[in-house]
PDB file of N, CA and C in Angstrom:
ATOM      1  N   MET A   1     106.097 111.650  95.175  1.00  0.00           N
ATOM      2  CA  MET A   1     107.426 111.218  94.792  1.00  0.00           C
ATOM      3  C   MET A   1     107.822 109.959  95.532  1.00  0.00           C
ATOM      4  N   ALA A   2     108.577 109.149  94.877  1.00  0.00           N
ATOM      5  CA  ALA A   2     109.070 107.914  95.505  1.00  0.00           C
ATOM      6  C   ALA A   2     110.417 108.220  96.168  1.00  0.00           C
ATOM      7  N   THR A   3     110.488 107.930  97.424  1.00  0.00           N
ATOM      8  CA  THR A   3     111.716 108.206  98.187  1.00  0.00           C
ATOM      9  C   THR A   3     112.159 106.954  98.888  1.00  0.00           C
ATOM     10  N   HIS A   4     113.425 106.632  98.741  1.00  0.00           N
ATOM     11  CA  HIS A   4     114.048 105.509  99.475  1.00  0.00           C
ATOM     12  C   HIS A   4     115.104 106.077 100.355  1.00  0.00           C
ATOM     13  N   GLU A   5     114.984 105.797 101.641  1.00  0.00           N
ATOM     14  CA  GLU A   5     115.943 106.378 102.618  1.00  0.00           C
ATOM     15  C   GLU A   5     116.885 105.329 103.175  1.00  0.00           C
ATOM     16  N   HIS A   6     118.109 105.695 103.285  1.00  0.00           N
ATOM     17  CA  HIS A   6     119.133 104.911 103.944  1.00  0.00           C
ATOM     18  C   HIS A   6     119.650 105.786 105.084  1.00  0.00           C
ATOM     19  N   PRO A   7     120.465 105.253 105.931  1.00  0.00           N
ATOM     20  CA  PRO A   7     120.875 106.039 107.103  1.00  0.00           C
ATOM     21  C   PRO A   7     121.282 107.481 106.802  1.00  0.00           C
ATOM     22  N   LYS A   8     122.028 107.715 105.726  1.00  0.00           N
ATOM     23  CA  LYS A   8     122.504 109.059 105.492  1.00  0.00           C
ATOM     24  C   LYS A   8     122.054 109.565 104.101  1.00  0.00           C
ATOM     25  N   ASP A   9     121.517 108.697 103.266  1.00  0.00           N
ATOM     26  CA  ASP A   9     121.235 109.058 101.923  1.00  0.00           C
ATOM     27  C   ASP A   9     119.715 108.975 101.569  1.00  0.00           C
ATOM     28  N   THR A  10     119.315 109.779 100.638  1.00  0.00           N
ATOM     29  CA  THR A  10     117.939 109.732 100.142  1.00  0.00           C
ATOM     30  C   THR A  10     118.015 109.762  98.630  1.00  0.00           C
ATOM     31  N   VAL A  11     117.205 108.890  98.019  1.00  0.00           N
ATOM     32  CA  VAL A  11     117.000 108.891  96.559  1.00  0.00           C
ATOM     33  C   VAL A  11     115.562 109.156  96.293  1.00  0.00           C
ATOM     34  N   THR A  12     115.293 110.165  95.455  1.00  0.00           N
ATOM     35  CA  THR A  12     113.953 110.537  95.099  1.00  0.00           C
ATOM     36  C   THR A  12     113.762 110.406  93.584  1.00  0.00           C
ATOM     37  N   ILE A  13     112.683 109.701  93.181  1.00  0.00           N
ATOM     38  CA  ILE A  13     112.416 109.571  91.772  1.00  0.00           C
ATOM     39  C   ILE A  13     111.143 110.343  91.483  1.00  0.00           C
ATOM     40  N   ALA A  14     111.217 111.358  90.630  1.00  0.00           N
ATOM     41  CA  ALA A  14     110.063 112.169  90.305  1.00  0.00           C
ATOM     42  C   ALA A  14     108.984 111.340  89.592  1.00  0.00           C
ATOM     43  N   PRO A  15     107.729 111.688  89.866  1.00  0.00           N
ATOM     44  CA  PRO A  15     106.638 110.955  89.178  1.00  0.00           C
ATOM     45  C   PRO A  15     106.743 111.060  87.663  1.00  0.00           C
ATOM     46  N   SER A  16     107.267 112.150  87.141  1.00  0.00           N
ATOM     47  CA  SER A  16     107.380 112.305  85.704  1.00  0.00           C
ATOM     48  C   SER A  16     108.370 111.289  85.103  1.00  0.00           C
ATOM     49  N   VAL A  17     109.341 110.888  85.905  1.00  0.00           N
ATOM     50  CA  VAL A  17     110.298 109.888  85.462  1.00  0.00           C
ATOM     51  C   VAL A  17     109.613 108.528  85.377  1.00  0.00           C
ATOM     52  N   LEU A  18     108.824 108.213  86.372  1.00  0.00           N
ATOM     53  CA  LEU A  18     108.038 106.942  86.322  1.00  0.00           C
ATOM     54  C   LEU A  18     107.094 106.925  85.155  1.00  0.00           C
ATOM     55  N   LEU A  19     106.445 108.072  84.865  1.00  0.00           N
ATOM     56  CA  LEU A  19     105.531 108.129  83.722  1.00  0.00           C
ATOM     57  C   LEU A  19     106.257 107.867  82.419  1.00  0.00           C
ATOM     58  N   THR A  20     107.471 108.422  82.277  1.00  0.00           N
ATOM     59  CA  THR A  20     108.273 108.197  81.090  1.00  0.00           C
ATOM     60  C   THR A  20     108.661 106.729  80.942  1.00  0.00           C
ATOM     61  N   ILE A  21     109.087 106.102  82.019  1.00  0.00           N
ATOM     62  CA  ILE A  21     109.464 104.682  82.018  1.00  0.00           C
ATOM     63  C   ILE A  21     108.259 103.859  81.613  1.00  0.00           C
ATOM     64  N   ILE A  22     107.126 104.099  82.181  1.00  0.00           N
ATOM     65  CA  ILE A  22     105.909 103.325  81.898  1.00  0.00           C
ATOM     66  C   ILE A  22     105.477 103.517  80.438  1.00  0.00           C
ATOM     67  N   HIS A  23     105.480 104.749  79.965  1.00  0.00           N
ATOM     68  CA  HIS A  23     105.085 105.058  78.605  1.00  0.00           C
ATOM     69  C   HIS A  23     105.977 104.302  77.617  1.00  0.00           C
ATOM     70  N   THR A  24     107.248 104.374  77.833  1.00  0.00           N
ATOM     71  CA  THR A  24     108.218 103.700  76.963  1.00  0.00           C
ATOM     72  C   THR A  24     108.023 102.179  76.982  1.00  0.00           C
ATOM     73  N   ALA A  25     107.776 101.609  78.157  1.00  0.00           N
ATOM     74  CA  ALA A  25     107.593 100.183  78.281  1.00  0.00           C
ATOM     75  C   ALA A  25     106.304  99.753  77.568  1.00  0.00           C
ATOM     76  N   ALA A  26     105.234 100.491  77.717  1.00  0.00           N
ATOM     77  CA  ALA A  26     103.986 100.122  77.060  1.00  0.00           C
ATOM     78  C   ALA A  26     104.107 100.161  75.537  1.00  0.00           C
ATOM     79  N   LEU A  27     104.774 101.207  75.018  1.00  0.00           N
ATOM     80  CA  LEU A  27     104.905 101.317  73.595  1.00  0.00           C
ATOM     81  C   LEU A  27     105.893 100.306  72.996  1.00  0.00           C
ATOM     82  N   SER A  28     106.695  99.688  73.820  1.00  0.00           N
ATOM     83  CA  SER A  28     107.662  98.715  73.316  1.00  0.00           C
ATOM     84  C   SER A  28     107.018  97.377  73.029  1.00  0.00           C
ATOM     85  N   VAL A  29     105.780  97.178  73.488  1.00  0.00           N
ATOM     86  CA  VAL A  29     105.111  95.901  73.266  1.00  0.00           C
ATOM     87  C   VAL A  29     104.462  95.912  71.875  1.00  0.00           C
ATOM     88  N   GLU A  30     104.753  94.846  71.132  1.00  0.00           N
ATOM     89  CA  GLU A  30     104.203  94.721  69.769  1.00  0.00           C
ATOM     90  C   GLU A  30     102.683  94.723  69.842  1.00  0.00           C
ATOM     91  N   GLY A  31     102.069  95.517  69.017  1.00  0.00           N
ATOM     92  CA  GLY A  31     100.615  95.590  68.974  1.00  0.00           C
ATOM     93  C   GLY A  31     100.062  96.838  69.610  1.00  0.00           C
ATOM     94  N   VAL A  32     100.834  97.483  70.457  1.00  0.00           N
ATOM     95  CA  VAL A  32     100.400  98.735  71.107  1.00  0.00           C
ATOM     96  C   VAL A  32     100.627  99.871  70.130  1.00  0.00           C
ATOM     97  N   ILE A  33      99.563 100.560  69.800  1.00  0.00           N
ATOM     98  CA  ILE A  33      99.674 101.700  68.847  1.00  0.00           C
ATOM     99  C   ILE A  33     100.054 102.976  69.606  1.00  0.00           C
ATOM    100  N   ARG A  34      99.312 103.275  70.695  1.00  0.00           N
ATOM    101  CA  ARG A  34      99.610 104.491  71.470  1.00  0.00           C
ATOM    102  C   ARG A  34      98.833 104.418  72.774  1.00  0.00           C
ATOM    103  N   THR A  35      99.218 105.299  73.709  1.00  0.00           N
ATOM    104  CA  THR A  35      98.385 105.534  74.873  1.00  0.00           C
ATOM    105  C   THR A  35      97.289 106.512  74.512  1.00  0.00           C
ATOM    106  N   THR A  36      96.266 106.529  75.259  1.00  0.00           N
ATOM    107  CA  THR A  36      95.151 107.442  74.944  1.00  0.00           C
ATOM    108  C   THR A  36      94.658 108.058  76.253  1.00  0.00           C
ATOM    109  N   SER A  37      93.990 109.182  76.150  1.00  0.00           N
ATOM    110  CA  SER A  37      93.542 109.934  77.334  1.00  0.00           C
ATOM    111  C   SER A  37      92.747 109.042  78.272  1.00  0.00           C
ATOM    112  N   THR A  38      92.967 109.289  79.553  1.00  0.00           N
ATOM    113  CA  THR A  38      92.149 108.608  80.624  1.00  0.00           C
ATOM    114  C   THR A  38      90.794 109.264  80.641  1.00  0.00           C
ATOM    115  N   PRO A  39      89.813 108.514  81.013  1.00  0.00           N
ATOM    116  CA  PRO A  39      88.448 109.084  81.123  1.00  0.00           C
ATOM    117  C   PRO A  39      88.447 110.297  82.058  1.00  0.00           C
ATOM    118  N   THR A  40      87.753 111.352  81.667  1.00  0.00           N
ATOM    119  CA  THR A  40      87.776 112.614  82.404  1.00  0.00           C
ATOM    120  C   THR A  40      87.245 112.428  83.837  1.00  0.00           C
ATOM    121  N   LEU A  41      86.187 111.700  84.047  1.00  0.00           N
ATOM    122  CA  LEU A  41      85.630 111.487  85.383  1.00  0.00           C
ATOM    123  C   LEU A  41      86.674 110.816  86.279  1.00  0.00           C
ATOM    124  N   ASP A  42      87.404 109.792  85.739  1.00  0.00           N
ATOM    125  CA  ASP A  42      88.461 109.138  86.493  1.00  0.00           C
ATOM    126  C   ASP A  42      89.501 110.131  86.976  1.00  0.00           C
ATOM    127  N   ARG A  43      89.912 111.009  86.057  1.00  0.00           N
ATOM    128  CA  ARG A  43      90.933 111.977  86.432  1.00  0.00           C
ATOM    129  C   ARG A  43      90.436 112.913  87.522  1.00  0.00           C
ATOM    130  N   TRP A  44      89.208 113.265  87.470  1.00  0.00           N
ATOM    131  CA  TRP A  44      88.661 114.197  88.463  1.00  0.00           C
ATOM    132  C   TRP A  44      88.506 113.568  89.794  1.00  0.00           C
ATOM    133  N   LEU A  45      88.108 112.276  89.866  1.00  0.00           N
ATOM    134  CA  LEU A  45      87.861 111.620  91.129  1.00  0.00           C
ATOM    135  C   LEU A  45      89.093 111.107  91.849  1.00  0.00           C
ATOM    136  N   ARG A  46      90.135 110.744  91.076  1.00  0.00           N
ATOM    137  CA  ARG A  46      91.318 110.116  91.671  1.00  0.00           C
ATOM    138  C   ARG A  46      92.381 111.186  91.996  1.00  0.00           C
ATOM    139  N   ARG A  47      93.156 110.794  92.988  1.00  0.00           N
ATOM    140  CA  ARG A  47      94.309 111.668  93.309  1.00  0.00           C
ATOM    141  C   ARG A  47      95.543 110.904  92.871  1.00  0.00           C
ATOM    142  N   THR A  48      95.811 110.994  91.568  1.00  0.00           N
ATOM    143  CA  THR A  48      96.944 110.316  91.033  1.00  0.00           C
ATOM    144  C   THR A  48      97.735 111.201  90.152  1.00  0.00           C
ATOM    145  N   THR A  49      98.972 110.835  89.830  1.00  0.00           N
ATOM    146  CA  THR A  49      99.773 111.559  88.871  1.00  0.00           C
ATOM    147  C   THR A  49      99.433 111.006  87.519  1.00  0.00           C
ATOM    148  N   THR A  50      99.135 111.865  86.551  1.00  0.00           N
ATOM    149  CA  THR A  50      98.748 111.400  85.248  1.00  0.00           C
ATOM    150  C   THR A  50      99.604 111.986  84.119  1.00  0.00           C
ATOM    151  N   ASP A  51      99.610 111.222  83.072  1.00  0.00           N
ATOM    152  CA  ASP A  51     100.149 111.647  81.768  1.00  0.00           C
ATOM    153  C   ASP A  51      99.097 111.147  80.783  1.00  0.00           C
ATOM    154  N   ASP A  52      99.193 111.544  79.568  1.00  0.00           N
ATOM    155  CA  ASP A  52      98.193 111.120  78.563  1.00  0.00           C
ATOM    156  C   ASP A  52      98.173 109.624  78.481  1.00  0.00           C
ATOM    157  N   GLY A  53      97.121 109.035  79.091  1.00  0.00           N
ATOM    158  CA  GLY A  53      96.971 107.587  79.023  1.00  0.00           C
ATOM    159  C   GLY A  53      97.567 106.793  80.121  1.00  0.00           C
ATOM    160  N   ILE A  54      98.206 107.454  81.084  1.00  0.00           N
ATOM    161  CA  ILE A  54      98.847 106.708  82.180  1.00  0.00           C
ATOM    162  C   ILE A  54      98.553 107.403  83.503  1.00  0.00           C
ATOM    163  N   GLU A  55      98.140 106.643  84.491  1.00  0.00           N
ATOM    164  CA  GLU A  55      97.952 107.170  85.838  1.00  0.00           C
ATOM    165  C   GLU A  55      98.802 106.335  86.783  1.00  0.00           C
ATOM    166  N   ILE A  56      99.489 106.968  87.719  1.00  0.00           N
ATOM    167  CA  ILE A  56     100.201 106.231  88.726  1.00  0.00           C
ATOM    168  C   ILE A  56      99.871 106.727  90.109  1.00  0.00           C
ATOM    169  N   GLU A  57      99.917 105.823  91.045  1.00  0.00           N
ATOM    170  CA  GLU A  57      99.818 106.180  92.457  1.00  0.00           C
ATOM    171  C   GLU A  57     100.986 105.569  93.148  1.00  0.00           C
ATOM    172  N   VAL A  58     101.752 106.408  93.833  1.00  0.00           N
ATOM    173  CA  VAL A  58     102.924 105.931  94.519  1.00  0.00           C
ATOM    174  C   VAL A  58     102.757 106.168  95.997  1.00  0.00           C
ATOM    175  N   ASN A  59     103.009 105.113  96.808  1.00  0.00           N
ATOM    176  CA  ASN A  59     102.966 105.254  98.259  1.00  0.00           C
ATOM    177  C   ASN A  59     104.079 104.441  98.842  1.00  0.00           C
ATOM    178  N   ASP A  60     104.127 104.344 100.151  1.00  0.00           N
ATOM    179  CA  ASP A  60     105.198 103.628 100.813  1.00  0.00           C
ATOM    180  C   ASP A  60     105.280 102.137 100.447  1.00  0.00           C
ATOM    181  N   GLU A  61     104.142 101.586 100.023  1.00  0.00           N
ATOM    182  CA  GLU A  61     104.103 100.163  99.681  1.00  0.00           C
ATOM    183  C   GLU A  61     104.641  99.885  98.241  1.00  0.00           C
ATOM    184  N   GLY A  62     104.460 100.849  97.334  1.00  0.00           N
ATOM    185  CA  GLY A  62     104.900 100.640  95.971  1.00  0.00           C
ATOM    186  C   GLY A  62     104.129 101.505  94.988  1.00  0.00           C
ATOM    187  N   VAL A  63     104.033 101.004  93.765  1.00  0.00           N
ATOM    188  CA  VAL A  63     103.442 101.740  92.631  1.00  0.00           C
ATOM    189  C   VAL A  63     102.220 101.001  92.133  1.00  0.00           C
ATOM    190  N   ARG A  64     101.150 101.739  91.852  1.00  0.00           N
ATOM    191  CA  ARG A  64      99.979 101.212  91.139  1.00  0.00           C
ATOM    192  C   ARG A  64      99.901 101.985  89.817  1.00  0.00           C
ATOM    193  N   VAL A  65      99.607 101.228  88.761  1.00  0.00           N
ATOM    194  CA  VAL A  65      99.616 101.804  87.418  1.00  0.00           C
ATOM    195  C   VAL A  65      98.277 101.492  86.729  1.00  0.00           C
ATOM    196  N   GLU A  66      97.734 102.504  86.085  1.00  0.00           N
ATOM    197  CA  GLU A  66      96.580 102.372  85.191  1.00  0.00           C
ATOM    198  C   GLU A  66      97.103 102.867  83.844  1.00  0.00           C
ATOM    199  N   VAL A  67      96.960 102.054  82.769  1.00  0.00           N
ATOM    200  CA  VAL A  67      97.415 102.479  81.486  1.00  0.00           C
ATOM    201  C   VAL A  67      96.271 102.252  80.458  1.00  0.00           C
ATOM    202  N   TYR A  68      95.996 103.255  79.650  1.00  0.00           N
ATOM    203  CA  TYR A  68      94.931 103.280  78.678  1.00  0.00           C
ATOM    204  C   TYR A  68      95.503 103.267  77.298  1.00  0.00           C
ATOM    205  N   LEU A  69      95.114 102.248  76.473  1.00  0.00           N
ATOM    206  CA  LEU A  69      95.795 101.961  75.233  1.00  0.00           C
ATOM    207  C   LEU A  69      94.871 101.859  74.056  1.00  0.00           C
ATOM    208  N   VAL A  70      95.467 102.115  72.880  1.00  0.00           N
ATOM    209  CA  VAL A  70      94.921 101.775  71.584  1.00  0.00           C
ATOM    210  C   VAL A  70      95.790 100.667  71.050  1.00  0.00           C
ATOM    211  N   VAL A  71      95.150  99.517  70.689  1.00  0.00           N
ATOM    212  CA  VAL A  71      95.930  98.336  70.265  1.00  0.00           C
ATOM    213  C   VAL A  71      95.560  97.995  68.819  1.00  0.00           C
ATOM    214  N   ASP A  72      96.517  97.467  68.097  1.00  0.00           N
ATOM    215  CA  ASP A  72      96.331  97.001  66.735  1.00  0.00           C
ATOM    216  C   ASP A  72      95.317  95.858  66.750  1.00  0.00           C
ATOM    217  N   ALA A  73      94.307  95.883  65.882  1.00  0.00           N
ATOM    218  CA  ALA A  73      93.294  94.868  65.838  1.00  0.00           C
ATOM    219  C   ALA A  73      93.796  93.515  65.393  1.00  0.00           C
ATOM    220  N   ASN A  74      94.935  93.469  64.794  1.00  0.00           N
ATOM    221  CA  ASN A  74      95.544  92.235  64.313  1.00  0.00           C
ATOM    222  C   ASN A  74      96.275  91.457  65.408  1.00  0.00           C
ATOM    223  N   HIS A  75      96.282  91.971  66.607  1.00  0.00           N
ATOM    224  CA  HIS A  75      96.924  91.317  67.751  1.00  0.00           C
ATOM    225  C   HIS A  75      95.875  90.888  68.743  1.00  0.00           C
ATOM    226  N   ASN A  76      96.146  89.811  69.455  1.00  0.00           N
ATOM    227  CA  ASN A  76      95.241  89.305  70.462  1.00  0.00           C
ATOM    228  C   ASN A  76      95.267  90.320  71.628  1.00  0.00           C
ATOM    229  N   LEU A  77      94.088  90.857  71.936  1.00  0.00           N
ATOM    230  CA  LEU A  77      94.002  91.935  72.908  1.00  0.00           C
ATOM    231  C   LEU A  77      94.412  91.434  74.324  1.00  0.00           C
ATOM    232  N   TYR A  78      93.972  90.270  74.704  1.00  0.00           N
ATOM    233  CA  TYR A  78      94.294  89.744  76.022  1.00  0.00           C
ATOM    234  C   TYR A  78      95.784  89.496  76.134  1.00  0.00           C
ATOM    235  N   GLU A  79      96.393  88.818  75.160  1.00  0.00           N
ATOM    236  CA  GLU A  79      97.843  88.560  75.200  1.00  0.00           C
ATOM    237  C   GLU A  79      98.684  89.792  75.200  1.00  0.00           C
ATOM    238  N   THR A  80      98.250  90.782  74.381  1.00  0.00           N
ATOM    239  CA  THR A  80      98.951  92.039  74.340  1.00  0.00           C
ATOM    240  C   THR A  80      98.864  92.741  75.691  1.00  0.00           C
ATOM    241  N   SER A  81      97.705  92.719  76.302  1.00  0.00           N
ATOM    242  CA  SER A  81      97.569  93.335  77.630  1.00  0.00           C
ATOM    243  C   SER A  81      98.443  92.664  78.660  1.00  0.00           C
ATOM    244  N   GLN A  82      98.563  91.353  78.634  1.00  0.00           N
ATOM    245  CA  GLN A  82      99.448  90.670  79.562  1.00  0.00           C
ATOM    246  C   GLN A  82     100.877  91.028  79.344  1.00  0.00           C
ATOM    247  N   ARG A  83     101.282  91.151  78.076  1.00  0.00           N
ATOM    248  CA  ARG A  83     102.705  91.525  77.800  1.00  0.00           C
ATOM    249  C   ARG A  83     102.957  92.955  78.301  1.00  0.00           C
ATOM    250  N   VAL A  84     101.979  93.840  78.123  1.00  0.00           N
ATOM    251  CA  VAL A  84     102.108  95.208  78.631  1.00  0.00           C
ATOM    252  C   VAL A  84     102.280  95.213  80.125  1.00  0.00           C
ATOM    253  N   GLN A  85     101.473  94.430  80.826  1.00  0.00           N
ATOM    254  CA  GLN A  85     101.566  94.347  82.295  1.00  0.00           C
ATOM    255  C   GLN A  85     102.971  93.865  82.709  1.00  0.00           C
ATOM    256  N   GLN A  86     103.432  92.809  82.041  1.00  0.00           N
ATOM    257  CA  GLN A  86     104.721  92.253  82.412  1.00  0.00           C
ATOM    258  C   GLN A  86     105.849  93.226  82.107  1.00  0.00           C
ATOM    259  N   GLU A  87     105.791  93.892  81.005  1.00  0.00           N
ATOM    260  CA  GLU A  87     106.866  94.792  80.592  1.00  0.00           C
ATOM    261  C   GLU A  87     106.914  96.028  81.515  1.00  0.00           C
ATOM    262  N   ILE A  88     105.767  96.559  81.865  1.00  0.00           N
ATOM    263  CA  ILE A  88     105.733  97.717  82.747  1.00  0.00           C
ATOM    264  C   ILE A  88     106.283  97.320  84.095  1.00  0.00           C
ATOM    265  N   ALA A  89     105.814  96.199  84.659  1.00  0.00           N
ATOM    266  CA  ALA A  89     106.273  95.766  85.987  1.00  0.00           C
ATOM    267  C   ALA A  89     107.787  95.522  85.968  1.00  0.00           C
ATOM    268  N   ARG A  90     108.319  94.852  84.905  1.00  0.00           N
ATOM    269  CA  ARG A  90     109.731  94.559  84.813  1.00  0.00           C
ATOM    270  C   ARG A  90     110.511  95.855  84.759  1.00  0.00           C
ATOM    271  N   THR A  91     110.058  96.766  83.939  1.00  0.00           N
ATOM    272  CA  THR A  91     110.807  98.022  83.758  1.00  0.00           C
ATOM    273  C   THR A  91     110.823  98.879  85.005  1.00  0.00           C
ATOM    274  N   ILE A  92     109.745  98.999  85.731  1.00  0.00           N
ATOM    275  CA  ILE A  92     109.737  99.742  86.969  1.00  0.00           C
ATOM    276  C   ILE A  92     110.676  99.128  87.969  1.00  0.00           C
ATOM    277  N   LYS A  93     110.617  97.839  88.118  1.00  0.00           N
ATOM    278  CA  LYS A  93     111.544  97.133  89.038  1.00  0.00           C
ATOM    279  C   LYS A  93     113.009  97.335  88.643  1.00  0.00           C
ATOM    280  N   GLU A  94     113.277  97.199  87.326  1.00  0.00           N
ATOM    281  CA  GLU A  94     114.672  97.265  86.902  1.00  0.00           C
ATOM    282  C   GLU A  94     115.224  98.680  86.959  1.00  0.00           C
ATOM    283  N   TYR A  95     114.483  99.690  86.532  1.00  0.00           N
ATOM    284  CA  TYR A  95     115.013 101.038  86.453  1.00  0.00           C
ATOM    285  C   TYR A  95     114.826 101.848  87.729  1.00  0.00           C
ATOM    286  N   ALA A  96     113.732 101.614  88.440  1.00  0.00           N
ATOM    287  CA  ALA A  96     113.447 102.413  89.634  1.00  0.00           C
ATOM    288  C   ALA A  96     113.596 101.621  90.924  1.00  0.00           C
ATOM    289  N   GLY A  97     113.710 100.327  90.839  1.00  0.00           N
ATOM    290  CA  GLY A  97     113.871  99.509  92.032  1.00  0.00           C
ATOM    291  C   GLY A  97     112.701  99.525  92.947  1.00  0.00           C
ATOM    292  N   MET A  98     111.531  99.786  92.410  1.00  0.00           N
ATOM    293  CA  MET A  98     110.318  99.924  93.227  1.00  0.00           C
ATOM    294  C   MET A  98     109.426  98.674  93.055  1.00  0.00           C
ATOM    295  N   LYS A  99     108.686  98.437  94.128  1.00  0.00           N
ATOM    296  CA  LYS A  99     107.711  97.309  94.079  1.00  0.00           C
ATOM    297  C   LYS A  99     106.487  97.750  93.308  1.00  0.00           C
ATOM    298  N   VAL A 100     106.035  96.871  92.407  1.00  0.00           N
ATOM    299  CA  VAL A 100     104.845  97.150  91.634  1.00  0.00           C
ATOM    300  C   VAL A 100     103.656  96.399  92.267  1.00  0.00           C
ATOM    301  N   LEU A 101     102.682  97.170  92.691  1.00  0.00           N
ATOM    302  CA  LEU A 101     101.498  96.631  93.348  1.00  0.00           C
ATOM    303  C   LEU A 101     100.485  96.141  92.336  1.00  0.00           C
ATOM    304  N   SER A 102     100.331  96.894  91.269  1.00  0.00           N
ATOM    305  CA  SER A 102      99.361  96.497  90.219  1.00  0.00           C
ATOM    306  C   SER A 102      99.621  97.258  88.938  1.00  0.00           C
ATOM    307  N   VAL A 103      99.346  96.593  87.835  1.00  0.00           N
ATOM    308  CA  VAL A 103      99.362  97.247  86.524  1.00  0.00           C
ATOM    309  C   VAL A 103      98.041  96.841  85.863  1.00  0.00           C
ATOM    310  N   ASN A 104      97.124  97.820  85.730  1.00  0.00           N
ATOM    311  CA  ASN A 104      95.843  97.557  85.108  1.00  0.00           C
ATOM    312  C   ASN A 104      95.830  98.204  83.704  1.00  0.00           C
ATOM    313  N   VAL A 105      95.513  97.363  82.730  1.00  0.00           N
ATOM    314  CA  VAL A 105      95.490  97.780  81.333  1.00  0.00           C
ATOM    315  C   VAL A 105      94.034  97.965  80.879  1.00  0.00           C
ATOM    316  N   HIS A 106      93.777  99.097  80.285  1.00  0.00           N
ATOM    317  CA  HIS A 106      92.452  99.406  79.763  1.00  0.00           C
ATOM    318  C   HIS A 106      92.608  99.588  78.264  1.00  0.00           C
ATOM    319  N   ILE A 107      92.017  98.746  77.476  1.00  0.00           N
ATOM    320  CA  ILE A 107      92.050  98.910  76.016  1.00  0.00           C
ATOM    321  C   ILE A 107      90.843  99.757  75.645  1.00  0.00           C
ATOM    322  N   GLU A 108      91.134 101.008  75.290  1.00  0.00           N
ATOM    323  CA  GLU A 108      90.069 102.002  74.990  1.00  0.00           C
ATOM    324  C   GLU A 108      89.637 101.976  73.521  1.00  0.00           C
ATOM    325  N   ASP A 109      90.509 101.423  72.642  1.00  0.00           N
ATOM    326  CA  ASP A 109      90.098 101.391  71.232  1.00  0.00           C
ATOM    327  C   ASP A 109      91.029 100.390  70.524  1.00  0.00           C
ATOM    328  N   VAL A 110      90.603  99.961  69.343  1.00  0.00           N
ATOM    329  CA  VAL A 110      91.446  99.123  68.475  1.00  0.00           C
ATOM    330  C   VAL A 110      91.611  99.819  67.175  1.00  0.00           C
ATOM    331  N   ASN A 111      92.747  99.588  66.539  1.00  0.00           N
ATOM    332  CA  ASN A 111      93.075 100.243  65.281  1.00  0.00           C
ATOM    333  C   ASN A 111      92.991  99.193  64.179  1.00  0.00           C
ATOM    334  N   PHE A 112      92.125  99.411  63.220  1.00  0.00           N
ATOM    335  CA  PHE A 112      92.010  98.467  62.084  1.00  0.00           C
ATOM    336  C   PHE A 112      92.741  98.949  60.882  1.00  0.00           C
ATOM    337  N   GLY A 113      93.496  99.998  61.032  1.00  0.00           N
ATOM    338  CA  GLY A 113      94.248 100.581  59.891  1.00  0.00           C
ATOM    339  C   GLY A 113      95.452  99.950  59.491  1.00  0.00           C
TER     340      GLY A 113
END
């Protein structure tokens, strides 16, 4: 959990809230079809909070994000990935007030439909 302490007050943001914020931000980018499952071995080896297609690691320094996507084949994959990174970072900063250490985008598939 992310916790910010002040002399008398504490604010805690549940990991599930961050996952929802990240999921919504990723899907808001044009060309993103959906998030997709993270590789099973990655889930087993890492100690992260996961949702379907999103992994986060929260520590005292900030938030690290791994997001796994299916992207529309009619969109430039690199540019779409950059927009996803920017939107996720902006949204975490704006809504949670947390420092974003990294946002790594993994395009797992493209949709030609």
